[in-house]
Amino acid sequence: MPNRIARSLISGRTGTVGLVVMDSLAHRFVLPIVLGAEEALSEIDLSMIISDARGDEARLRQIVDRFQERKVDGVLVVGDNNALTPSVDRLDQPVTYVYGETGENDVAHVPDDLSGARAVTEHLLELGRRRLALITGPRTGRAVVERGKGVRTALRRSGVELAQAVHTEWSQRAARAAAEELLHQVPDVDAIICGSDQLAAGVTEAVLASGRRVPDDVAITGYDNWSVFALESEPPLTTVDMNLQTLGAAAVRDLFGLIDGKPVGGGVRLHPCTLVVRGSTTSD
């Protein structure tokens, strides 16, 4: 069997894919995506060049220009699930996007956050919780909006009203302050749905400090399945796993198809999330 260099000479390809991270502040989400992409690339013996745009659109353009000069076979852009990703529309090579939409008809693989949030809300309702509140991030983010829709969809189907929705910064300290105010305003709240595990960790601190028990008095859920918070909280967090490695691998496989000239089609591909039940919602 010919080696990679020989195959490249025959096909006119370099056997290389360029991966650019739009926002390195989202590094927690980037690593599993990269691992999934790398695994998919290894299936057909391709290599990967990784660059970081550091949240700068001009730097993103410079990076993809360099990729083009190096004649990579395709480009994978890792975006931000809470913001639109700039569309790289002047490349000769195929491009796919992951963990961020462009607002165009580009191939983009993102978590199905609406269904993920609906699943966690339905879980709380099945446990008999009826005074549910939501503490989440800034209201303009894509993931925030989709998760909020999921929560409200599940509540509406059950005829339950959301006790209160609070938007705050993505920080543990901000979440604790928001939860303290929520507990004062809605003292009979029996479940708090959080937009991330980091927020849920701060909310847990506030609930326990108030003398309430988790989950007996107040059930708490997170989102992301970030082990630093989900497993280190006491009790461990019920949360939603976005299956980011699967996301990265799927985006690369679509990129394979584009490179090979297959009719992949355009638009957003929603990927199912997984509910992970732990002690913050049930002591069984």
Protein backbone atom coordinates (compact mmCIF):
# COMPACT_ATOMS: atom_id res chain seq x y z
CA MET A 1 0.00 0.00 0.00
CA PRO A 2 1.45 3.41 -0.86
CA ASN A 3 2.38 5.67 2.02
CA ARG A 4 0.70 9.03 2.74
CA ILE A 5 3.24 11.05 0.69
CA ALA A 6 2.82 8.81 -2.34
CA ARG A 7 -0.96 9.00 -2.09
CA SER A 8 -0.76 12.78 -1.82
CA LEU A 9 1.33 13.02 -4.98
CA ILE A 10 -1.14 10.84 -6.84
CA SER A 11 -4.25 12.69 -5.61
CA GLY A 12 -2.84 16.21 -5.62
CA ARG A 13 -3.76 16.57 -1.95
CA THR A 14 -1.61 17.36 1.07
CA GLY A 15 -3.28 14.94 3.49
CA THR A 16 -3.70 17.82 5.94
CA VAL A 17 -6.71 19.55 7.48
CA GLY A 18 -6.54 22.96 9.15
CA LEU A 19 -8.45 23.44 12.40
CA VAL A 20 -8.95 26.94 13.78
CA VAL A 21 -10.39 27.70 17.22
CA MET A 22 -12.37 30.92 17.06
CA ASP A 23 -12.37 31.65 20.80
CA SER A 24 -9.77 30.06 23.07
CA LEU A 25 -11.71 31.26 26.15
CA ALA A 26 -14.02 28.33 25.38
CA HIS A 27 -11.07 25.94 25.84
CA ARG A 28 -13.09 23.65 28.10
CA PHE A 29 -15.26 22.80 25.08
CA VAL A 30 -12.48 22.81 22.47
CA LEU A 31 -10.44 19.86 23.76
CA PRO A 32 -13.09 17.12 23.40
CA ILE A 33 -14.07 18.51 19.99
CA VAL A 34 -10.44 18.35 18.86
CA LEU A 35 -10.09 14.81 20.23
CA GLY A 36 -13.16 13.71 18.27
CA ALA A 37 -11.90 15.42 15.13
CA GLU A 38 -8.46 13.85 15.53
CA GLU A 39 -9.95 10.39 15.95
CA ALA A 40 -12.00 10.77 12.77
CA LEU A 41 -8.97 12.10 10.88
CA SER A 42 -6.88 9.12 11.95
CA GLU A 43 -9.41 6.79 10.31
CA ILE A 44 -8.13 7.84 6.88
CA ASP A 45 -4.60 8.81 7.90
CA LEU A 46 -4.93 12.60 7.68
CA SER A 47 -3.03 15.05 9.88
CA MET A 48 -4.23 18.29 11.43
CA ILE A 49 -2.80 21.79 11.91
CA ILE A 50 -4.36 23.70 14.82
CA SER A 51 -4.42 27.49 15.21
CA ASP A 52 -6.12 29.83 17.68
CA ALA A 53 -7.91 32.99 16.50
CA ARG A 54 -8.26 34.24 20.12
CA GLY A 55 -11.69 35.65 19.44
CA ASP A 56 -10.35 38.01 16.75
CA GLU A 57 -12.11 37.87 13.38
CA ALA A 58 -9.18 39.52 11.58
CA ARG A 59 -6.83 36.90 13.02
CA LEU A 60 -9.24 34.19 11.88
CA ARG A 61 -8.97 35.53 8.30
CA GLN A 62 -5.16 35.56 8.52
CA ILE A 63 -5.10 31.98 9.75
CA VAL A 64 -7.34 30.65 6.98
CA ASP A 65 -5.25 32.58 4.43
CA ARG A 66 -2.18 30.75 5.74
CA PHE A 67 -4.06 27.48 5.54
CA GLN A 68 -4.84 28.24 1.92
CA GLU A 69 -1.18 29.01 1.19
CA ARG A 70 -0.24 25.65 2.71
CA LYS A 71 -2.87 24.03 0.47
CA VAL A 72 -4.65 22.15 3.23
CA ASP A 73 -7.38 19.87 1.92
CA GLY A 74 -10.08 21.42 4.11
CA VAL A 75 -10.72 23.62 7.14
CA LEU A 76 -12.67 22.97 10.34
CA VAL A 77 -13.69 26.03 12.38
CA VAL A 78 -14.53 25.55 16.08
CA GLY A 79 -16.91 28.33 17.07
CA ASP A 80 -18.69 29.58 20.18
CA ASN A 81 -22.05 28.02 21.04
CA ASN A 82 -23.30 31.37 22.34
CA ALA A 83 -22.32 33.58 19.39
CA LEU A 84 -22.38 33.53 15.60
CA THR A 85 -19.14 32.32 14.04
CA PRO A 86 -17.77 34.42 11.15
CA SER A 87 -18.26 32.59 7.86
CA VAL A 88 -15.03 31.83 6.02
CA ASP A 89 -16.34 32.38 2.51
CA ARG A 90 -13.26 33.14 0.43
CA LEU A 91 -11.42 29.84 0.71
CA ASP A 92 -10.92 27.51 -2.24
CA GLN A 93 -10.95 24.57 0.18
CA PRO A 94 -14.08 23.09 1.78
CA VAL A 95 -15.02 24.34 5.27
CA THR A 96 -17.21 22.93 8.02
CA TYR A 97 -18.07 24.43 11.39
CA VAL A 98 -18.56 22.87 14.80
CA TYR A 99 -19.96 24.20 18.10
CA GLY A 100 -21.12 27.41 16.43
CA GLU A 101 -23.44 28.52 13.64
CA THR A 102 -22.54 31.14 11.03
CA GLY A 103 -26.02 32.41 10.21
CA GLU A 104 -25.42 31.30 6.62
CA ASN A 105 -26.10 27.97 4.91
CA ASP A 106 -22.72 26.59 5.98
CA VAL A 107 -22.38 23.05 7.31
CA ALA A 108 -22.39 23.51 11.10
CA HIS A 109 -22.58 20.83 13.80
CA VAL A 110 -24.02 22.04 17.12
CA PRO A 111 -25.59 20.48 20.22
CA ASP A 112 -29.38 20.21 20.31
CA ASP A 113 -29.58 22.47 23.37
CA LEU A 114 -33.35 22.82 23.20
CA SER A 115 -33.85 19.08 23.56
CA GLY A 116 -31.13 18.83 26.21
CA ALA A 117 -32.77 21.47 28.40
CA ARG A 118 -36.21 19.96 27.80
CA ALA A 119 -34.92 16.56 28.97
CA VAL A 120 -33.49 17.93 32.21
CA THR A 121 -36.72 19.85 32.91
CA GLU A 122 -38.85 16.78 32.23
CA HIS A 123 -36.62 14.86 34.65
CA LEU A 124 -37.40 17.37 37.40
CA LEU A 125 -41.11 17.31 36.64
CA GLU A 126 -41.12 13.50 36.80
CA LEU A 127 -39.61 13.80 40.27
CA GLY A 128 -42.62 15.88 41.32
CA ARG A 129 -40.96 19.31 41.32
CA ARG A 130 -43.40 22.11 40.55
CA ARG A 131 -41.73 25.37 41.61
CA LEU A 132 -38.93 25.52 39.09
CA ALA A 133 -36.63 28.49 38.46
CA LEU A 134 -33.96 29.11 35.84
CA ILE A 135 -30.55 30.72 36.39
CA THR A 136 -28.60 31.08 33.16
CA GLY A 137 -26.16 33.26 31.22
CA PRO A 138 -26.60 36.49 29.23
CA ARG A 139 -29.89 36.42 27.36
CA THR A 140 -28.51 37.00 23.84
CA GLY A 141 -26.42 33.82 23.57
CA ARG A 142 -27.58 31.06 21.20
CA ALA A 143 -27.20 28.30 23.79
CA VAL A 144 -28.96 30.43 26.42
CA VAL A 145 -31.88 31.07 24.10
CA GLU A 146 -32.21 27.44 22.98
CA ARG A 147 -31.95 26.05 26.51
CA GLY A 148 -34.51 28.56 27.72
CA LYS A 149 -36.89 27.40 24.98
CA GLY A 150 -36.36 23.81 26.04
CA VAL A 151 -37.18 24.57 29.67
CA ARG A 152 -40.32 26.51 28.78
CA THR A 153 -41.48 23.88 26.27
CA ALA A 154 -41.34 21.13 28.90
CA LEU A 155 -43.11 23.28 31.50
CA ARG A 156 -45.81 24.36 29.08
CA ARG A 157 -46.56 20.75 28.14
CA SER A 158 -47.01 19.94 31.84
CA GLY A 159 -49.07 23.00 32.63
CA VAL A 160 -46.45 24.33 35.04
CA GLU A 161 -45.31 27.96 35.10
CA LEU A 162 -41.67 28.95 35.48
CA ALA A 163 -41.32 30.52 38.93
CA GLN A 164 -38.57 32.90 37.84
CA ALA A 165 -35.82 33.28 35.21
CA VAL A 166 -32.55 35.03 36.06
CA HIS A 167 -29.83 35.99 33.58
CA THR A 168 -26.35 36.54 34.95
CA GLU A 169 -22.66 36.31 34.06
CA TRP A 170 -21.04 32.93 33.43
CA SER A 171 -19.35 32.82 36.82
CA GLN A 172 -19.71 30.89 40.06
CA ARG A 173 -19.74 34.07 42.14
CA ALA A 174 -22.46 35.68 40.02
CA ALA A 175 -24.55 32.50 40.21
CA ARG A 176 -24.30 32.41 43.99
CA ALA A 177 -25.48 36.02 44.26
CA ALA A 178 -28.32 35.35 41.81
CA ALA A 179 -29.41 32.29 43.79
CA GLU A 180 -29.37 34.17 47.08
CA GLU A 181 -31.73 36.77 45.60
CA LEU A 182 -33.90 34.07 44.03
CA LEU A 183 -34.28 32.22 47.34
CA HIS A 184 -35.35 35.47 48.96
CA GLN A 185 -37.93 36.24 46.27
CA VAL A 186 -39.19 32.67 45.70
CA PRO A 187 -38.64 30.92 49.05
CA ASP A 188 -40.73 27.89 48.05
CA VAL A 189 -38.67 27.10 44.94
CA ASP A 190 -38.04 23.36 44.80
CA ALA A 191 -35.80 23.10 41.71
CA ILE A 192 -33.28 25.38 40.04
CA ILE A 193 -32.24 24.69 36.45
CA CYS A 194 -28.83 26.19 35.66
CA GLY A 195 -27.42 27.10 32.26
CA SER A 196 -24.02 25.55 33.03
CA ASP A 197 -22.28 23.40 35.62
CA GLN A 198 -20.24 26.39 36.75
CA LEU A 199 -23.43 28.31 37.50
CA ALA A 200 -24.88 25.24 39.22
CA ALA A 201 -21.86 25.02 41.52
CA GLY A 202 -22.44 28.60 42.69
CA VAL A 203 -26.18 28.00 43.08
CA THR A 204 -25.49 24.89 45.17
CA GLU A 205 -23.32 26.95 47.53
CA ALA A 206 -26.13 29.49 48.02
CA VAL A 207 -28.81 26.85 48.56
CA LEU A 208 -26.76 24.99 51.17
CA ALA A 209 -25.77 28.23 52.90
CA SER A 210 -29.48 29.08 53.27
CA GLY A 211 -30.00 25.96 55.34
CA ARG A 212 -31.83 24.09 52.60
CA ARG A 213 -30.85 20.57 51.58
CA VAL A 214 -29.93 19.39 48.07
CA PRO A 215 -31.86 17.61 46.63
CA ASP A 216 -34.41 17.14 49.42
CA ASP A 217 -35.55 20.77 49.55
CA VAL A 218 -34.16 22.09 46.25
CA ALA A 219 -33.05 20.00 43.28
CA ILE A 220 -30.31 21.58 41.13
CA THR A 221 -29.26 20.80 37.57
CA GLY A 222 -26.31 21.95 35.49
CA TYR A 223 -25.35 21.75 31.82
CA ASP A 224 -22.09 20.69 30.07
CA ASN A 225 -21.06 17.70 32.25
CA TRP A 226 -17.83 19.54 33.10
CA SER A 227 -16.25 17.22 35.67
CA VAL A 228 -14.44 20.05 37.47
CA PHE A 229 -17.84 21.28 38.65
CA ALA A 230 -20.24 18.40 38.03
CA LEU A 231 -18.29 15.82 40.02
CA GLU A 232 -16.68 18.09 42.60
CA SER A 233 -19.97 19.65 43.74
CA GLU A 234 -21.59 18.10 46.78
CA PRO A 235 -23.80 16.38 45.89
CA PRO A 236 -22.58 15.72 42.32
CA LEU A 237 -24.59 17.50 39.65
CA THR A 238 -27.30 16.13 37.44
CA THR A 239 -26.36 17.70 34.12
CA VAL A 240 -26.45 17.44 30.33
CA ASP A 241 -23.54 16.09 28.30
CA MET A 242 -23.23 17.70 24.84
CA ASN A 243 -21.21 14.73 23.49
CA LEU A 244 -18.59 17.07 22.05
CA GLN A 245 -16.24 14.35 20.79
CA THR A 246 -19.06 12.98 18.66
CA LEU A 247 -19.71 16.52 17.43
CA GLY A 248 -16.09 16.99 16.35
CA ALA A 249 -15.95 13.63 14.59
CA ALA A 250 -19.20 14.29 12.70
CA ALA A 251 -17.98 17.69 11.50
CA VAL A 252 -14.78 16.11 10.19
CA ARG A 253 -16.69 13.37 8.37
CA ASP A 254 -18.80 16.00 6.61
CA LEU A 255 -15.55 17.75 5.72
CA PHE A 256 -14.30 14.44 4.22
CA GLY A 257 -17.42 14.35 2.08
CA LEU A 258 -16.92 17.91 0.83
CA ILE A 259 -13.26 17.21 0.04
CA ASP A 260 -14.33 14.16 -1.97
CA GLY A 261 -16.97 16.17 -3.82
CA LYS A 262 -19.93 14.37 -2.30
CA PRO A 263 -23.36 16.07 -1.99
CA VAL A 264 -23.18 16.75 1.73
CA GLY A 265 -25.68 19.61 1.66
CA GLY A 266 -25.66 22.72 3.82
CA GLY A 267 -27.19 23.99 7.02
CA VAL A 268 -27.11 23.21 10.73
CA ARG A 269 -26.86 19.65 12.03
CA LEU A 270 -28.29 19.28 15.54
CA HIS A 271 -26.76 16.54 17.68
CA PRO A 272 -28.54 14.91 20.62
CA CYS A 273 -27.33 15.59 24.15
CA THR A 274 -27.39 13.10 27.03
CA LEU A 275 -29.02 13.60 30.42
CA VAL A 276 -26.67 12.49 33.23
CA VAL A 277 -28.52 11.95 36.52
CA ARG A 278 -26.61 12.37 39.78
CA GLY A 279 -27.25 13.25 43.41
CA SER A 280 -28.26 16.89 43.00
CA THR A 281 -31.74 15.83 41.86
CA THR A 282 -32.27 12.43 43.41
CA SER A 283 -30.84 10.66 46.42
CA ASP A 284 -31.93 7.21 45.20
